[in-house]
Amino acid sequence: MRATKGDHLVQHGRVVGQHDKTGEIVQVLGENGTPPYRVRFSDGHESIMAPGPDCAVRPSAEPRKEQW
């Protein structure tokens, strides 16, 4: 998994009825775009995450500029 600042991390719900949680990657802490990532969620909460198989990275809508 690779990401750049501005991409979105989607954490899929783990149980029936649980909604997906989406946040913006505000900092890439690993080398060459690899985890861990600092992620800011819509409620303002920030977390450092090493995403597992229940997560996906969605590119930002802005033109991509390599920031690794």
C-alpha atoms as a PDB file:
ATOM      1  CA  MET A   1       0.000   0.000   0.000  1.00  0.00           C
ATOM      2  CA  ARG A   2       1.327   3.434  -0.977  1.00  0.00           C
ATOM      3  CA  ALA A   3      -0.143   6.883  -0.462  1.00  0.00           C
ATOM      4  CA  THR A   4       0.719  10.558  -0.623  1.00  0.00           C
ATOM      5  CA  LYS A   5      -0.419  13.506   1.444  1.00  0.00           C
ATOM      6  CA  GLY A   6      -3.970  14.438   0.442  1.00  0.00           C
ATOM      7  CA  ASP A   7      -5.098  10.918  -0.458  1.00  0.00           C
ATOM      8  CA  HIS A   8      -8.034   9.432   1.433  1.00  0.00           C
ATOM      9  CA  LEU A   9      -7.935   6.319   3.591  1.00  0.00           C
ATOM     10  CA  VAL A  10     -11.148   4.290   3.688  1.00  0.00           C
ATOM     11  CA  GLN A  11     -11.581   1.885   6.595  1.00  0.00           C
ATOM     12  CA  HIS A  12     -14.409  -0.497   5.736  1.00  0.00           C
ATOM     13  CA  GLY A  13     -16.977  -1.416   8.382  1.00  0.00           C
ATOM     14  CA  ARG A  14     -16.093  -4.665  10.136  1.00  0.00           C
ATOM     15  CA  VAL A  15     -19.580  -5.801  11.133  1.00  0.00           C
ATOM     16  CA  VAL A  16     -23.019  -5.641   9.528  1.00  0.00           C
ATOM     17  CA  GLY A  17     -24.468  -2.145   9.884  1.00  0.00           C
ATOM     18  CA  GLN A  18     -21.129  -0.444  10.579  1.00  0.00           C
ATOM     19  CA  HIS A  19     -20.382   2.285   8.040  1.00  0.00           C
ATOM     20  CA  ASP A  20     -17.085   2.921   6.313  1.00  0.00           C
ATOM     21  CA  LYS A  21     -14.866   5.562   7.922  1.00  0.00           C
ATOM     22  CA  THR A  22     -12.958   7.928   5.627  1.00  0.00           C
ATOM     23  CA  GLY A  23     -10.109  10.261   6.511  1.00  0.00           C
ATOM     24  CA  GLU A  24      -7.538  12.411   4.741  1.00  0.00           C
ATOM     25  CA  ILE A  25      -3.895  11.392   4.903  1.00  0.00           C
ATOM     26  CA  VAL A  26      -2.145  14.469   6.286  1.00  0.00           C
ATOM     27  CA  GLN A  27       1.326  12.950   6.718  1.00  0.00           C
ATOM     28  CA  VAL A  28       3.141   9.898   5.367  1.00  0.00           C
ATOM     29  CA  LEU A  29       5.472   8.587   8.069  1.00  0.00           C
ATOM     30  CA  GLY A  30       6.887   5.576   6.196  1.00  0.00           C
ATOM     31  CA  GLU A  31       9.443   5.528   3.406  1.00  0.00           C
ATOM     32  CA  ASN A  32       8.367   5.862  -0.241  1.00  0.00           C
ATOM     33  CA  GLY A  33       4.685   6.332   0.574  1.00  0.00           C
ATOM     34  CA  THR A  34       4.359   3.282   2.812  1.00  0.00           C
ATOM     35  CA  PRO A  35       2.568   3.179   6.203  1.00  0.00           C
ATOM     36  CA  PRO A  36       2.218   4.392   8.850  1.00  0.00           C
ATOM     37  CA  TYR A  37       0.085   7.423   7.991  1.00  0.00           C
ATOM     38  CA  ARG A  38      -1.282  10.296  10.064  1.00  0.00           C
ATOM     39  CA  VAL A  39      -4.978  10.452   9.147  1.00  0.00           C
ATOM     40  CA  ARG A  40      -7.503  13.227   9.938  1.00  0.00           C
ATOM     41  CA  PHE A  41     -11.140  12.154  10.061  1.00  0.00           C
ATOM     42  CA  SER A  42     -14.184  14.373   9.421  1.00  0.00           C
ATOM     43  CA  ASP A  43     -14.800  14.830  13.164  1.00  0.00           C
ATOM     44  CA  GLY A  44     -11.321  16.396  13.513  1.00  0.00           C
ATOM     45  CA  HIS A  45      -9.824  13.331  15.212  1.00  0.00           C
ATOM     46  CA  GLU A  46      -6.304  12.409  14.058  1.00  0.00           C
ATOM     47  CA  SER A  47      -4.758   8.987  14.320  1.00  0.00           C
ATOM     48  CA  ILE A  48      -1.548   7.292  13.244  1.00  0.00           C
ATOM     49  CA  MET A  49      -2.542   4.208  11.291  1.00  0.00           C
ATOM     50  CA  ALA A  50      -0.821   1.217   9.762  1.00  0.00           C
ATOM     51  CA  PRO A  51      -3.763   0.111   7.597  1.00  0.00           C
ATOM     52  CA  GLY A  52      -4.744  -3.528   7.425  1.00  0.00           C
ATOM     53  CA  PRO A  53      -6.719  -5.527   4.855  1.00  0.00           C
ATOM     54  CA  ASP A  54      -9.942  -3.703   5.798  1.00  0.00           C
ATOM     55  CA  CYS A  55      -8.556  -0.407   4.415  1.00  0.00           C
ATOM     56  CA  ALA A  56      -8.046   1.113   0.972  1.00  0.00           C
ATOM     57  CA  VAL A  57      -6.287   4.251  -0.265  1.00  0.00           C
ATOM     58  CA  ARG A  58      -8.222   6.486  -2.659  1.00  0.00           C
ATOM     59  CA  PRO A  59      -6.202   9.076  -4.599  1.00  0.00           C
ATOM     60  CA  SER A  60      -7.071  12.722  -4.036  1.00  0.00           C
ATOM     61  CA  ALA A  61      -8.990  14.593  -6.727  1.00  0.00           C
ATOM     62  CA  GLU A  62      -6.070  16.988  -7.213  1.00  0.00           C
ATOM     63  CA  PRO A  63      -3.308  16.216  -9.728  1.00  0.00           C
ATOM     64  CA  ARG A  64      -0.824  13.872  -8.096  1.00  0.00           C
ATOM     65  CA  LYS A  65       2.657  15.140  -7.326  1.00  0.00           C
ATOM     66  CA  GLU A  66       5.012  12.541  -5.871  1.00  0.00           C
ATOM     67  CA  GLN A  67       5.730  13.539  -2.271  1.00  0.00           C
ATOM     68  CA  TRP A  68       7.649  10.521  -1.042  1.00  0.00           C
END
